[in-house]
Amino acid sequence: MADGHAKPNHDYHLVDPSPWPIVGSISAFVMAVGAVMWMKGMGVAGLKMGPYVFGAGVIGVLYVMIAWWTDVVNEAEHGGYHTRVVQLSHRYGMILFIASEVMFFVAWFWAFFDASLFTNEAIQYSRVEFTGGHWPPKGVEIIDPWHFPLLNTLILLTSGTTVTWAHHALLQNDRQSVKYGLWLTIVLGLIFTSVQAYEYIHAPFGFKNSIYGATFFMATGFHGAHVIIGTIFLIVCLIRVYKGHFTPQQHLGFEFAAWYWHFVDVVWLFLFACIYVWGSWGAQIAAH
């Protein structure tokens, strides 16, 4: 947190004591306990407490996120703590975070390819019995990749160009174009989420009792969650632009939002090519 202490005469930011790490940890623990209680149907005196405990944890986590990031924004905009050296360390941190997200999606791709490429493994006799030794499994109708998935691909690719437009406009200090670019990117992100929700509702297969549905929904569903997170990230940036934040020389928050959005775009291209297109070869396409 930033406070009234005099800024030291060096390029590093020695963060003041903050309550948010411990409060955030406690909130996350409460949320996890609540999730377990909810899933297990546990309660006290016949009252199912899981949803309430989980909700309390979620509220705590959201409050910590808002308060902690508000402190970071104040440090950047008013405290003068984000020197060139500090900005460089933040960039390294964001790069490592995105790298960890890449490995997260590698796990889902691994699960998909393990199930789809090795359908006749002798040691996986239960898988062979279910899939019929081919992919997609016998009797599974799949989503037409050249319908809504292609539309969403075009939407995300377009959103990548609009956020890049906003970024370059900020470098030129054209704040009106920054607003236009961010508005367009946010709207496209919301449209993508709406189309994916419609696709999920009308999917011809479910998550349960289907190795195809499980791998499909885990990979595309977590990507959809990342789109929602990225959209919120961009909405916060838009609010900050209206508040007069960001300069051509210092706009780490906006830059990181753009990095994250491009990461989401690239992951979707792999999902579309591998799961929707390659994974649908020889399968029965469900009627629209």
Foldseek 3Di string as FASTA:
>chain_A
DDDDDDDDPDLADDDDDDPLVVLLVVLVVQLVVLCVLQVVVDDDPPDSCSVVSNVSSVVSNVVSVVVVVVVVQCCVPPVVNCGPVNLVVVVVVLVVVLVVVVVVLVVLVCLVCVLAVPQPDPVVVVSCVQQVSHFPRPPAAFAQLPPLVVVLLVLLVVLLVLLVQLLVCQLVVVLVSVLVSLVSSLVSLVVSLVSVVVCQVPTRDDCPPHSLRVSLCVNVVVLNVLSVVLSVLSVVVSVVSVVVDGHSVDDSSSVSSSVSSVSSSVSSVCCSVVSNPVRCPPHHHDDD
